[in-house]
Amino acid sequence: MTKTGYFSHPDSRKHEMGRGHPECPERLDAIEDRLLISGVGDALVRLEAPLASLDELELGHSRMHVASLRGLSDKLSDEVEAGGPRYAQIDPDTAMNVNSWNAILRGAGATMAATDAVMAGELENAFCAVRPPGHHACHDHAMGFCFINNVAVAAKYALERHGLQRVAIVDFDVHHGNGTEDIVAGDERILMVSFYQHPFYPQGGSQSGADNLVNLPVPAYTKGDVVRDLIETHWLPRLEEHRPEMIFISAGFDAHREDDLGQLGLVEADYAWITKRIMEVAHRHAKGRIVSSLEGGYNLSALARSVESHVRVLAGV
């Protein structure tokens, strides 16, 4: 059995963007319930996500972006106290409430704390059950339910603070991780591999031809067997060539066939297979070091079952 960390925090549940919004606190409750019922939760080392510092967020984002989010949170708190609106709207899909800032800091803090623990050998790998998600957050702006790019910040943290030479980011969310691409494109220390439904949100899909990106668009209704073939043909050779010393996963589960926010056809067995293949690369080149962080997944049952499959493989149970 692998020593797998599970990072979360109650603050992650306090961020919400209004009644009926798909990126809701109940996502974490569904995951927790499934890990409890399945027994997988018993195999995990449970750890609290710390608050990230502002300078740590600036590893992946502009100082202006970090300051504007913090300022928006402070302004919202003052307005709510005076009887004003409960939310500060950033785009039609993305809003902050008075608790969002701490949730944002916990999300990035989780991935960096997981990086520290895995690098120290205290854990072999880790899953971060945090929200809001991050992979649409660009260097200088928030969008698409995302404010700070937890995985991109952690990848930069591993390079800058732990002195690694090469890391990889694997993104299997149904939506293209445009924010991650924006932050890491052209940084040859970081290899980003992904597949995503296209055409779909965000408009245009991958926008960069940088050599360190392997972003694979697939049409709606693509099923798991096709995705597996693409991974074998395109991801794995590049990952072997890159020889990452640590692997970060943007773990979105909205490519599941039951998830209404996407139209792809993956099932739990596909997520387990993808995780196994990533682990094989990690064992060959990275001493097994993996940090995975929750992105999308909005059908609560499918999300919970998919996370169980992913974490079950990480933990070797």
Protein backbone atom coordinates (compact mmCIF):
# COMPACT_ATOMS: atom_id res chain seq x y z
CA MET A 1 0.00 0.00 0.00
CA THR A 2 1.26 3.45 -0.95
CA LYS A 3 1.40 6.27 1.61
CA THR A 4 -1.06 8.72 0.06
CA GLY A 5 -1.92 12.10 1.55
CA TYR A 6 -5.41 13.59 1.43
CA PHE A 7 -5.36 17.37 1.85
CA SER A 8 -8.51 19.36 2.49
CA HIS A 9 -9.92 22.00 4.84
CA PRO A 10 -13.38 23.16 6.01
CA ASP A 11 -12.70 26.53 4.34
CA SER A 12 -12.94 24.78 0.97
CA ARG A 13 -16.66 24.22 1.59
CA LYS A 14 -17.41 27.82 2.53
CA HIS A 15 -16.81 29.23 -0.96
CA GLU A 16 -20.02 29.21 -2.99
CA MET A 17 -21.33 31.17 -5.95
CA GLY A 18 -25.09 31.08 -5.51
CA ARG A 19 -27.97 28.64 -5.53
CA GLY A 20 -27.85 26.11 -8.35
CA HIS A 21 -24.23 26.76 -9.32
CA PRO A 22 -22.60 23.47 -10.39
CA GLU A 23 -19.29 24.26 -8.65
CA CYS A 24 -20.80 23.80 -5.20
CA PRO A 25 -19.65 22.73 -1.71
CA GLU A 26 -21.63 19.50 -2.05
CA ARG A 27 -18.95 18.25 -4.44
CA LEU A 28 -16.56 17.74 -1.53
CA ASP A 29 -19.29 16.15 0.60
CA ALA A 30 -20.00 13.61 -2.15
CA ILE A 31 -16.31 12.71 -2.38
CA GLU A 32 -15.97 12.35 1.40
CA ASP A 33 -19.07 10.14 1.60
CA ARG A 34 -17.83 7.87 -1.16
CA LEU A 35 -14.36 7.48 0.35
CA LEU A 36 -16.00 6.61 3.67
CA ILE A 37 -18.47 4.09 2.24
CA SER A 38 -15.85 2.42 0.02
CA GLY A 39 -13.25 2.20 2.78
CA VAL A 40 -10.65 3.96 0.62
CA GLY A 41 -10.58 6.86 3.06
CA ASP A 42 -9.14 4.55 5.73
CA ALA A 43 -5.98 4.13 3.64
CA LEU A 44 -5.25 7.87 3.41
CA VAL A 45 -3.14 10.19 5.54
CA ARG A 46 -5.50 13.10 6.24
CA LEU A 47 -3.87 16.51 6.45
CA GLU A 48 -5.17 20.09 6.70
CA ALA A 49 -4.43 22.43 3.83
CA PRO A 50 -2.53 25.51 5.04
CA LEU A 51 -3.04 29.05 3.77
CA ALA A 52 -0.76 29.96 0.89
CA SER A 53 1.20 33.20 1.19
CA LEU A 54 0.83 35.98 -1.36
CA ASP A 55 4.40 35.60 -2.60
CA GLU A 56 3.74 31.90 -3.20
CA LEU A 57 0.71 32.75 -5.35
CA GLU A 58 2.95 35.08 -7.35
CA LEU A 59 5.00 32.08 -8.49
CA GLY A 60 2.23 31.54 -11.04
CA HIS A 61 0.38 34.86 -11.14
CA SER A 62 1.05 38.55 -11.51
CA ARG A 63 1.25 40.64 -8.37
CA MET A 64 -1.60 42.75 -9.73
CA HIS A 65 -3.88 39.73 -10.10
CA VAL A 66 -3.20 38.50 -6.55
CA ALA A 67 -3.69 41.99 -5.13
CA SER A 68 -6.91 42.52 -7.06
CA LEU A 69 -8.44 39.28 -5.73
CA ARG A 70 -7.50 40.17 -2.18
CA GLY A 71 -8.82 43.71 -2.62
CA LEU A 72 -12.07 42.44 -4.11
CA SER A 73 -12.53 40.14 -1.13
CA ASP A 74 -11.92 43.00 1.34
CA LYS A 75 -14.33 45.27 -0.53
CA LEU A 76 -17.00 42.56 -0.59
CA SER A 77 -16.67 42.00 3.17
CA ASP A 78 -17.22 45.70 3.80
CA GLU A 79 -20.24 45.78 1.48
CA VAL A 80 -21.84 42.69 3.01
CA GLU A 81 -21.37 44.13 6.50
CA ALA A 82 -23.19 47.24 5.30
CA GLY A 83 -26.06 45.17 3.90
CA GLY A 84 -24.80 45.06 0.30
CA PRO A 85 -24.68 42.20 -2.22
CA ARG A 86 -23.44 38.76 -1.09
CA TYR A 87 -21.32 38.13 -4.19
CA ALA A 88 -18.69 39.93 -6.25
CA GLN A 89 -19.15 38.81 -9.86
CA ILE A 90 -15.96 38.31 -11.90
CA ASP A 91 -17.55 36.84 -15.03
CA PRO A 92 -20.97 35.30 -15.77
CA ASP A 93 -19.81 31.95 -14.27
CA THR A 94 -17.43 33.08 -11.54
CA ALA A 95 -18.06 34.95 -8.30
CA MET A 96 -16.60 35.43 -4.84
CA ASN A 97 -18.38 35.41 -1.50
CA VAL A 98 -16.91 36.58 1.82
CA ASN A 99 -15.35 33.16 2.42
CA SER A 100 -13.86 32.66 -1.04
CA TRP A 101 -10.46 34.25 -0.34
CA ASN A 102 -9.57 31.76 2.40
CA ALA A 103 -10.78 28.87 0.24
CA ILE A 104 -8.57 30.13 -2.58
CA LEU A 105 -5.56 30.33 -0.26
CA ARG A 106 -6.26 26.82 1.07
CA GLY A 107 -6.44 25.42 -2.48
CA ALA A 108 -2.98 26.64 -3.44
CA GLY A 109 -1.71 25.94 0.07
CA ALA A 110 -2.81 22.31 -0.25
CA THR A 111 -0.87 21.65 -3.45
CA MET A 112 2.28 23.27 -2.08
CA ALA A 113 2.04 21.48 1.27
CA ALA A 114 1.53 18.22 -0.61
CA THR A 115 4.60 19.03 -2.69
CA ASP A 116 6.63 19.60 0.48
CA ALA A 117 5.48 16.32 2.05
CA VAL A 118 6.10 14.27 -1.09
CA MET A 119 9.50 15.85 -1.64
CA ALA A 120 10.43 15.10 1.99
CA GLY A 121 9.48 11.46 1.54
CA GLU A 122 6.73 11.71 4.16
CA LEU A 123 4.20 10.78 1.45
CA GLU A 124 4.65 9.04 -1.87
CA ASN A 125 1.78 10.92 -3.48
CA ALA A 126 -1.20 13.07 -2.52
CA PHE A 127 -4.70 14.10 -3.57
CA CYS A 128 -5.97 17.59 -2.75
CA ALA A 129 -9.74 17.71 -2.22
CA VAL A 130 -10.06 21.47 -2.50
CA ARG A 131 -12.15 24.02 -4.28
CA PRO A 132 -12.47 26.35 -6.12
CA PRO A 133 -10.72 24.61 -9.00
CA GLY A 134 -7.80 26.30 -10.73
CA HIS A 135 -6.88 25.30 -14.27
CA HIS A 136 -8.71 28.17 -16.03
CA ALA A 137 -6.99 30.79 -13.86
CA CYS A 138 -4.50 32.63 -16.07
CA HIS A 139 -1.37 34.53 -15.10
CA ASP A 140 -3.26 37.79 -14.70
CA HIS A 141 -6.99 37.02 -14.48
CA ALA A 142 -9.63 34.68 -13.05
CA MET A 143 -12.26 32.89 -15.15
CA GLY A 144 -14.30 29.71 -15.49
CA PHE A 145 -14.93 29.03 -11.76
CA CYS A 146 -11.16 29.47 -11.15
CA PHE A 147 -9.20 32.19 -9.32
CA ILE A 148 -5.70 30.85 -8.61
CA ASN A 149 -4.13 28.01 -10.60
CA ASN A 150 -3.32 25.55 -7.82
CA VAL A 151 -1.46 23.03 -9.97
CA ALA A 152 0.57 25.56 -11.96
CA VAL A 153 1.59 27.35 -8.75
CA ALA A 154 2.67 24.03 -7.20
CA ALA A 155 4.65 23.08 -10.30
CA LYS A 156 6.51 26.39 -10.18
CA TYR A 157 6.97 25.93 -6.43
CA ALA A 158 8.61 22.53 -6.97
CA LEU A 159 11.03 24.08 -9.46
CA GLU A 160 11.82 27.30 -7.60
CA ARG A 161 11.68 26.21 -3.96
CA HIS A 162 12.75 22.55 -4.21
CA GLY A 163 15.24 22.91 -7.03
CA LEU A 164 13.77 20.32 -9.38
CA GLN A 165 14.86 20.51 -13.00
CA ARG A 166 11.83 18.98 -14.75
CA VAL A 167 8.19 18.48 -13.79
CA ALA A 168 5.05 17.51 -15.71
CA ILE A 169 1.42 18.60 -15.49
CA VAL A 170 -1.25 16.11 -16.59
CA ASP A 171 -4.75 17.56 -17.14
CA PHE A 172 -7.68 15.21 -17.86
CA ASP A 173 -10.54 17.67 -17.25
CA VAL A 174 -13.13 17.88 -20.06
CA HIS A 175 -12.27 21.58 -20.51
CA HIS A 176 -8.92 22.79 -21.79
CA GLY A 177 -6.66 24.08 -19.03
CA ASN A 178 -6.14 27.41 -20.73
CA GLY A 179 -4.90 29.04 -17.54
CA THR A 180 -2.24 26.40 -17.04
CA GLU A 181 -1.19 26.80 -20.66
CA ASP A 182 -0.99 30.57 -20.21
CA ILE A 183 1.28 30.19 -17.17
CA VAL A 184 3.61 27.40 -18.36
CA ALA A 185 3.80 27.80 -22.16
CA GLY A 186 7.44 28.11 -23.22
CA ASP A 187 8.86 26.99 -19.86
CA GLU A 188 10.82 23.95 -20.99
CA ARG A 189 11.16 22.74 -17.39
CA ILE A 190 7.42 21.98 -17.41
CA LEU A 191 5.74 19.54 -19.79
CA MET A 192 1.96 19.91 -19.95
CA VAL A 193 -0.11 17.07 -21.43
CA SER A 194 -3.89 17.13 -21.73
CA PHE A 195 -6.92 16.10 -23.73
CA TYR A 196 -10.12 18.13 -23.81
CA GLN A 197 -13.44 18.38 -25.64
CA HIS A 198 -13.30 20.77 -28.61
CA PRO A 199 -14.97 22.96 -29.71
CA PHE A 200 -16.06 23.78 -26.16
CA TYR A 201 -15.31 26.14 -23.30
CA PRO A 202 -12.96 27.99 -23.28
CA GLN A 203 -13.37 29.26 -26.82
CA GLY A 204 -10.60 28.29 -29.20
CA GLY A 205 -8.97 25.53 -27.15
CA SER A 206 -5.19 25.51 -27.08
CA GLN A 207 -3.77 28.83 -28.26
CA SER A 208 -0.03 28.16 -28.06
CA GLY A 209 2.26 26.12 -30.24
CA ALA A 210 4.94 25.98 -27.55
CA ASP A 211 7.07 22.84 -27.64
CA ASN A 212 6.38 21.99 -23.99
CA LEU A 213 2.63 21.50 -24.57
CA VAL A 214 0.85 18.34 -25.75
CA ASN A 215 -2.80 19.48 -25.70
CA LEU A 216 -5.09 17.12 -27.61
CA PRO A 217 -8.56 18.28 -28.71
CA VAL A 218 -11.21 15.56 -29.11
CA PRO A 219 -14.78 15.88 -30.42
CA ALA A 220 -17.91 15.50 -28.31
CA TYR A 221 -18.97 11.90 -27.57
CA THR A 222 -15.42 10.57 -27.67
CA LYS A 223 -15.19 7.49 -25.45
CA GLY A 224 -12.49 6.15 -23.21
CA ASP A 225 -10.91 3.73 -25.69
CA VAL A 226 -10.07 6.59 -28.06
CA VAL A 227 -8.67 8.68 -25.19
CA ARG A 228 -6.52 5.74 -24.07
CA ASP A 229 -5.09 5.39 -27.58
CA LEU A 230 -4.27 9.11 -27.68
CA ILE A 231 -2.52 8.87 -24.32
CA GLU A 232 -0.46 5.88 -25.47
CA THR A 233 0.46 7.58 -28.74
CA HIS A 234 1.01 11.19 -27.67
CA TRP A 235 1.33 11.64 -23.92
CA LEU A 236 3.46 8.73 -22.87
CA PRO A 237 6.32 9.14 -25.37
CA ARG A 238 6.65 12.83 -24.44
CA LEU A 239 6.52 12.08 -20.73
CA GLU A 240 9.23 9.44 -21.14
CA GLU A 241 11.35 11.89 -23.11
CA HIS A 242 10.86 14.64 -20.52
CA ARG A 243 11.69 12.39 -17.53
CA PRO A 244 9.79 14.48 -14.98
CA GLU A 245 11.08 14.49 -11.41
CA MET A 246 7.55 15.13 -10.14
CA ILE A 247 4.10 14.91 -11.74
CA PHE A 248 1.16 17.20 -10.98
CA ILE A 249 -2.38 16.23 -11.98
CA SER A 250 -5.24 18.59 -12.76
CA ALA A 251 -7.82 15.97 -11.82
CA GLY A 252 -11.09 17.01 -13.44
CA PHE A 253 -13.76 14.31 -13.72
CA ASP A 254 -16.29 16.11 -15.93
CA ALA A 255 -15.31 14.02 -18.97
CA HIS A 256 -17.40 11.26 -17.34
CA ARG A 257 -20.31 10.15 -19.51
CA GLU A 258 -22.82 11.08 -16.79
CA ASP A 259 -21.60 14.68 -16.40
CA ASP A 260 -23.87 17.19 -18.10
CA LEU A 261 -21.21 19.92 -18.23
CA GLY A 262 -19.34 17.94 -20.89
CA GLN A 263 -20.14 15.50 -23.67
CA LEU A 264 -17.31 12.96 -23.45
CA GLY A 265 -17.75 9.30 -22.59
CA LEU A 266 -15.22 8.34 -19.92
CA VAL A 267 -16.08 6.04 -17.01
CA GLU A 268 -14.40 5.17 -13.71
CA ALA A 269 -12.26 2.45 -15.29
CA ASP A 270 -10.75 5.04 -17.65
CA TYR A 271 -9.71 7.27 -14.76
CA ALA A 272 -8.16 4.29 -13.01
CA TRP A 273 -6.26 3.36 -16.20
CA ILE A 274 -5.00 6.91 -16.74
CA THR A 275 -3.85 7.09 -13.11
CA LYS A 276 -1.98 3.78 -13.44
CA ARG A 277 -0.16 4.98 -16.53
CA ILE A 278 0.82 8.24 -14.84
CA MET A 279 2.06 6.29 -11.83
CA GLU A 280 4.20 4.08 -14.06
CA VAL A 281 5.95 7.16 -15.45
CA ALA A 282 6.33 8.58 -11.94
CA HIS A 283 7.93 5.38 -10.66
CA ARG A 284 10.39 5.30 -13.56
CA HIS A 285 11.49 8.92 -13.37
CA ALA A 286 10.12 10.69 -10.27
CA LYS A 287 10.48 8.24 -7.36
CA GLY A 288 6.69 7.88 -7.53
CA ARG A 289 6.14 11.56 -6.67
CA ILE A 290 2.65 12.73 -7.68
CA VAL A 291 0.45 15.59 -6.43
CA SER A 292 -3.12 15.53 -7.76
CA SER A 293 -5.64 18.33 -7.23
CA LEU A 294 -9.37 18.40 -7.89
CA GLU A 295 -10.60 20.41 -10.87
CA GLY A 296 -14.01 19.78 -12.46
CA GLY A 297 -16.67 17.10 -12.02
CA TYR A 298 -20.26 18.21 -11.45
CA ASN A 299 -22.47 15.12 -11.44
CA LEU A 300 -22.05 14.34 -7.75
CA SER A 301 -22.37 10.57 -8.04
CA ALA A 302 -20.06 10.26 -11.05
CA LEU A 303 -17.58 12.64 -9.44
CA ALA A 304 -17.46 10.67 -6.20
CA ARG A 305 -17.06 7.30 -7.94
CA SER A 306 -14.37 8.68 -10.26
CA VAL A 307 -12.37 10.23 -7.42
CA GLU A 308 -12.59 6.92 -5.57
CA SER A 309 -11.15 5.12 -8.61
CA HIS A 310 -8.36 7.69 -8.96
CA VAL A 311 -7.42 7.73 -5.28
CA ARG A 312 -7.72 3.93 -4.98
CA VAL A 313 -4.97 3.58 -7.59
CA LEU A 314 -2.83 6.30 -6.01
CA ALA A 315 -3.07 4.56 -2.64
CA GLY A 316 -2.68 1.04 -4.01
CA VAL A 317 -5.82 -0.32 -2.33
